[in-house]
Amino acid sequence: MTFSIRELAEIEDLNQLAELFAVVWGRPGEPPISSDVLKALAHSGNYVSGAYLDNKITGGLVGWFGGVPPHELHMHSHILGVLSGSEAHGLGFELKQHQRRWCLARDVNVIEWTTDPLVRRNAYFNLTKLCAHASEYLVNVYGEMADGINAGEESDRLLISWRLDTPAADAAAGGHPPDSRLDELRRDGAVEALSVGDAGEPVATAASARVLLCQVPDDIVALRRSDPSLASSWRMAVRKTFTDALAAGYEVSGATRSGWYVLETQAD
């Protein structure tokens, strides 16, 4: 399946992009970012792109420049959306690589964005497939959410930092990321700090090792609908595990395809 990805600037295209985001986020008629804001971003030289299949918009990605001196100029990648369906498989990766090439052509070497740590597929995508890193855990950063995916939830997020000009990023772009294997990590002494219990509940363990493993549920979006109380308990458990680990000097270094975060420390 071949997609075409291009920058968008015309209001007709931006209207389509805004509506796509509204559909993806379960807010028909009320997009999370409006076409007039998209127009302002595009006009001022920021990144606004759409992906097309058979001349129909299927995905989009928006970001803008950030960084106040003396901090490094970077791109804040605010929103990525892809319509559900098997025909869109791999499009999110292609959009991020298009954004990476766009930034590198403008001497911007870092892209940052936030992601819900409870969404398992995003963990693997961001930390392994793209070879980015999670530099900070942000507690309820956007307040309580109201869209169709996150309604009623507090908005804890991981701050993702993607260094674009590294051999690891090049390898990932070519489809060869460094994939963490759970069996190898355990054999090397990694221990579980948080895991999914027999009834789907979070099971936290007071763990101490150079490498900690933190598991998240298979589908937190479905869990929010079927058992909001259990979903909320997962939010609190993940929050405590990550904030405690980061305060102790751990860094989030990767994620396995099977839903485990990898947290490492250089301390003995």
Protein backbone atom coordinates (compact mmCIF):
# COMPACT_ATOMS: atom_id res chain seq x y z
CA MET A 1 0.00 0.00 0.00
CA THR A 2 1.47 3.35 -1.06
CA PHE A 3 0.58 6.62 0.63
CA SER A 4 1.45 10.12 -0.42
CA ILE A 5 2.40 12.55 2.35
CA ARG A 6 2.57 16.28 1.76
CA GLU A 7 2.56 19.57 3.62
CA LEU A 8 -0.81 21.29 3.82
CA ALA A 9 -1.52 25.02 3.67
CA GLU A 10 -4.81 25.55 1.82
CA ILE A 11 -7.89 25.98 4.00
CA GLU A 12 -9.85 23.27 2.16
CA ASP A 13 -7.14 20.73 2.96
CA LEU A 14 -6.87 21.96 6.54
CA ASN A 15 -10.62 21.60 7.02
CA GLN A 16 -10.30 17.95 5.99
CA LEU A 17 -7.38 17.46 8.37
CA ALA A 18 -9.26 19.02 11.29
CA GLU A 19 -12.24 16.75 10.64
CA LEU A 20 -9.98 13.70 10.45
CA PHE A 21 -8.59 14.55 13.89
CA ALA A 22 -12.16 14.98 15.18
CA VAL A 23 -13.07 11.48 13.96
CA VAL A 24 -9.91 9.87 15.36
CA TRP A 25 -10.44 11.48 18.78
CA GLY A 26 -14.15 10.68 18.89
CA ARG A 27 -15.23 14.33 18.68
CA PRO A 28 -17.20 14.71 15.40
CA GLY A 29 -17.71 18.38 14.61
CA GLU A 30 -15.41 19.40 17.47
CA PRO A 31 -11.82 18.79 16.36
CA PRO A 32 -9.04 18.88 18.97
CA ILE A 33 -7.29 21.46 16.77
CA SER A 34 -9.30 23.73 14.47
CA SER A 35 -8.63 24.54 10.83
CA ASP A 36 -7.99 28.23 11.59
CA VAL A 37 -5.24 27.29 14.06
CA LEU A 38 -3.84 24.82 11.52
CA LYS A 39 -3.81 27.64 8.95
CA ALA A 40 -1.92 29.92 11.34
CA LEU A 41 0.64 27.21 12.06
CA ALA A 42 1.20 26.41 8.39
CA HIS A 43 1.40 30.10 7.43
CA SER A 44 4.03 30.77 10.10
CA GLY A 45 6.32 28.02 8.83
CA ASN A 46 5.48 25.13 11.12
CA TYR A 47 4.87 21.49 10.23
CA VAL A 48 1.38 20.54 9.04
CA SER A 49 1.08 17.43 6.89
CA GLY A 50 -1.54 15.06 5.55
CA ALA A 51 -1.30 11.51 4.26
CA TYR A 52 -3.44 10.42 1.33
CA LEU A 53 -4.57 7.11 -0.10
CA ASP A 54 -6.42 7.23 -3.43
CA ASN A 55 -6.69 11.03 -3.00
CA LYS A 56 -8.52 10.63 0.32
CA ILE A 57 -6.97 11.99 3.51
CA THR A 58 -6.12 9.09 5.81
CA GLY A 59 -3.78 10.58 8.40
CA GLY A 60 -2.08 13.75 9.53
CA LEU A 61 0.62 15.15 11.77
CA VAL A 62 1.10 18.63 13.21
CA GLY A 63 3.99 20.21 15.09
CA TRP A 64 5.51 23.59 15.80
CA PHE A 65 8.86 24.97 16.81
CA GLY A 66 9.78 25.26 20.48
CA GLY A 67 12.77 25.97 22.67
CA VAL A 68 13.64 29.25 24.38
CA PRO A 69 17.37 30.17 24.42
CA PRO A 70 19.63 28.90 25.81
CA HIS A 71 17.68 25.67 25.24
CA GLU A 72 18.02 23.88 21.94
CA LEU A 73 15.55 24.61 19.18
CA HIS A 74 13.25 21.62 18.75
CA MET A 75 9.92 20.70 17.25
CA HIS A 76 6.97 20.01 19.52
CA SER A 77 4.97 17.33 17.70
CA HIS A 78 1.48 17.96 19.01
CA ILE A 79 -0.95 15.62 17.28
CA LEU A 80 -0.76 12.55 15.04
CA GLY A 81 -3.92 10.87 13.82
CA VAL A 82 -4.60 7.96 11.46
CA LEU A 83 -8.03 6.62 10.52
CA SER A 84 -8.54 3.11 11.83
CA GLY A 85 -8.42 0.21 9.40
CA SER A 86 -5.91 -2.30 8.10
CA GLU A 87 -5.20 -0.20 5.02
CA ALA A 88 -3.57 2.40 7.27
CA HIS A 89 -1.02 -0.04 8.75
CA GLY A 90 2.40 1.58 9.06
CA LEU A 91 1.19 5.07 8.22
CA GLY A 92 2.01 6.52 11.64
CA PHE A 93 5.63 5.46 11.18
CA GLU A 94 5.78 6.98 7.70
CA LEU A 95 4.34 10.27 8.98
CA LYS A 96 6.94 10.45 11.75
CA GLN A 97 9.75 9.73 9.30
CA HIS A 98 8.44 12.45 6.97
CA GLN A 99 8.47 14.85 9.91
CA ARG A 100 12.00 13.73 10.81
CA ARG A 101 13.28 14.44 7.30
CA TRP A 102 11.50 17.81 7.28
CA CYS A 103 13.18 18.80 10.55
CA LEU A 104 16.65 17.59 9.56
CA ALA A 105 16.43 19.62 6.34
CA ARG A 106 15.93 22.70 8.56
CA ASP A 107 18.73 21.85 11.03
CA VAL A 108 16.26 20.90 13.76
CA ASN A 109 17.65 17.80 15.46
CA VAL A 110 15.13 17.06 18.22
CA ILE A 111 11.39 16.36 18.19
CA GLU A 112 9.43 16.14 21.44
CA TRP A 113 5.86 15.06 22.15
CA THR A 114 3.74 13.60 24.93
CA THR A 115 2.12 10.18 25.07
CA ASP A 116 -0.15 8.34 27.48
CA PRO A 117 2.07 5.76 29.25
CA LEU A 118 -0.90 3.40 29.56
CA VAL A 119 -1.28 2.95 25.79
CA ARG A 120 0.82 -0.12 25.12
CA ARG A 121 1.13 0.16 21.34
CA ASN A 122 2.39 3.75 21.61
CA ALA A 123 5.10 2.72 24.08
CA TYR A 124 6.62 0.26 21.63
CA PHE A 125 6.16 2.61 18.68
CA ASN A 126 7.81 5.60 20.35
CA LEU A 127 10.58 4.01 22.39
CA THR A 128 11.59 1.08 20.20
CA LYS A 129 10.35 1.46 16.64
CA LEU A 130 11.37 5.13 16.44
CA CYS A 131 14.21 4.77 18.98
CA ALA A 132 13.15 7.82 21.01
CA HIS A 133 13.46 8.19 24.79
CA ALA A 134 11.11 9.19 27.60
CA SER A 135 12.74 12.02 29.50
CA GLU A 136 10.03 13.01 32.01
CA TYR A 137 6.74 11.85 33.57
CA LEU A 138 4.12 14.61 33.59
CA VAL A 139 1.24 14.26 36.08
CA ASN A 140 -2.22 15.29 34.79
CA VAL A 141 -0.55 17.76 32.45
CA TYR A 142 -3.67 18.65 30.40
CA GLY A 143 -6.22 18.22 33.18
CA GLU A 144 -9.17 15.82 32.89
CA MET A 145 -9.82 14.78 29.30
CA ALA A 146 -13.16 14.99 27.49
CA ASP A 147 -12.60 13.27 24.12
CA GLY A 148 -13.93 9.89 23.09
CA ILE A 149 -10.66 8.09 23.87
CA ASN A 150 -9.67 9.59 27.22
CA ALA A 151 -12.97 10.86 28.68
CA GLY A 152 -12.96 11.03 32.48
CA GLU A 153 -9.26 10.24 32.78
CA GLU A 154 -6.49 12.31 34.26
CA SER A 155 -3.92 13.16 31.62
CA ASP A 156 -0.62 11.74 32.82
CA ARG A 157 1.90 11.74 29.99
CA LEU A 158 5.44 10.69 29.21
CA LEU A 159 7.50 13.40 27.55
CA ILE A 160 9.15 11.75 24.55
CA SER A 161 12.41 13.15 23.19
CA TRP A 162 13.56 11.94 19.76
CA ARG A 163 17.12 12.76 18.75
CA LEU A 164 17.00 12.73 14.97
CA ASP A 165 20.68 12.87 13.99
CA THR A 166 21.94 9.65 15.60
CA PRO A 167 22.95 6.27 14.15
CA ALA A 168 20.16 4.68 16.21
CA ALA A 169 17.53 6.95 14.64
CA ASP A 170 18.96 6.20 11.19
CA ALA A 171 18.79 2.46 11.86
CA ALA A 172 15.21 2.73 13.12
CA ALA A 173 14.23 4.74 10.03
CA GLY A 174 15.57 1.87 7.92
CA GLY A 175 13.46 -0.65 9.83
CA HIS A 176 16.23 -1.92 12.12
CA PRO A 177 15.50 -0.65 15.65
CA PRO A 178 17.19 -2.09 18.76
CA ASP A 179 14.41 -4.38 19.99
CA SER A 180 14.36 -5.27 23.71
CA ARG A 181 13.68 -8.98 24.30
CA LEU A 182 11.96 -9.79 27.57
CA ASP A 183 13.63 -13.17 28.07
CA GLU A 184 17.08 -11.67 27.61
CA LEU A 185 16.34 -8.80 30.01
CA ARG A 186 15.17 -11.24 32.69
CA ARG A 187 18.18 -13.48 32.15
CA ASP A 188 20.39 -10.44 32.70
CA GLY A 189 18.75 -9.67 36.05
CA ALA A 190 15.83 -7.36 35.23
CA VAL A 191 13.02 -7.52 37.80
CA GLU A 192 9.32 -6.67 37.63
CA ALA A 193 8.25 -3.48 39.39
CA LEU A 194 4.69 -3.54 38.02
CA SER A 195 2.78 -6.30 36.26
CA VAL A 196 -0.74 -7.36 35.25
CA GLY A 197 -2.35 -9.67 37.82
CA ASP A 198 -4.58 -12.66 37.21
CA ALA A 199 -7.72 -10.49 37.30
CA GLY A 200 -6.18 -7.72 35.23
CA GLU A 201 -5.26 -5.64 38.26
CA PRO A 202 -1.94 -3.81 38.70
CA VAL A 203 0.52 -5.71 40.89
CA ALA A 204 3.33 -3.49 42.23
CA THR A 205 6.48 -4.92 43.75
CA ALA A 206 9.16 -3.13 45.77
CA ALA A 207 11.94 -3.97 43.31
CA SER A 208 15.61 -3.03 43.24
CA ALA A 209 17.84 -3.82 40.28
CA ARG A 210 19.76 -2.07 37.55
CA VAL A 211 16.86 -2.77 35.15
CA LEU A 212 13.19 -2.59 36.13
CA LEU A 213 10.25 -3.83 34.06
CA CYS A 214 6.86 -2.15 34.11
CA GLN A 215 3.89 -3.78 32.38
CA VAL A 216 0.72 -2.00 31.23
CA PRO A 217 -2.67 -3.47 30.21
CA ASP A 218 -3.24 -4.80 26.73
CA ASP A 219 -5.94 -2.22 25.83
CA ILE A 220 -6.46 0.64 28.27
CA VAL A 221 -9.01 2.33 25.99
CA ALA A 222 -11.30 -0.72 26.11
CA LEU A 223 -10.69 -1.05 29.86
CA ARG A 224 -11.83 2.54 30.45
CA ARG A 225 -15.17 1.61 28.89
CA SER A 226 -15.64 -1.78 30.56
CA ASP A 227 -14.19 -1.04 34.02
CA PRO A 228 -13.42 2.64 34.70
CA SER A 229 -12.45 1.92 38.32
CA LEU A 230 -9.82 -0.62 37.26
CA ALA A 231 -8.54 1.76 34.58
CA SER A 232 -8.16 4.47 37.22
CA SER A 233 -6.23 2.11 39.50
CA TRP A 234 -3.84 1.46 36.62
CA ARG A 235 -3.31 5.20 36.21
CA MET A 236 -2.33 5.56 39.87
CA ALA A 237 -0.12 2.46 39.85
CA VAL A 238 1.79 3.51 36.73
CA ARG A 239 2.13 7.05 38.07
CA LYS A 240 3.71 5.84 41.32
CA THR A 241 5.99 3.32 39.66
CA PHE A 242 7.35 5.81 37.13
CA THR A 243 7.67 8.82 39.41
CA ASP A 244 9.40 6.76 42.11
CA ALA A 245 11.78 5.19 39.59
CA LEU A 246 12.64 8.46 37.85
CA ALA A 247 13.23 10.16 41.22
CA ALA A 248 15.63 7.30 42.09
CA GLY A 249 17.67 7.93 38.93
CA TYR A 250 16.14 5.49 36.46
CA GLU A 251 15.57 6.37 32.82
CA VAL A 252 12.93 4.91 30.50
CA SER A 253 15.14 3.30 27.87
CA GLY A 254 12.76 1.17 25.82
CA ALA A 255 9.64 -0.96 25.59
CA THR A 256 8.98 -4.51 24.48
CA ARG A 257 6.40 -5.49 21.91
CA SER A 258 4.61 -7.48 24.64
CA GLY A 259 3.87 -4.39 26.74
CA TRP A 260 6.76 -3.98 29.18
CA TYR A 261 8.59 -0.71 29.74
CA VAL A 262 12.33 -0.98 30.39
CA LEU A 263 13.72 1.37 33.03
CA GLU A 264 17.47 1.45 33.61
CA THR A 265 19.83 3.09 36.04
CA GLN A 266 23.60 3.42 35.91
CA ALA A 267 23.84 3.19 39.70
CA ASP A 268 25.53 0.12 41.20
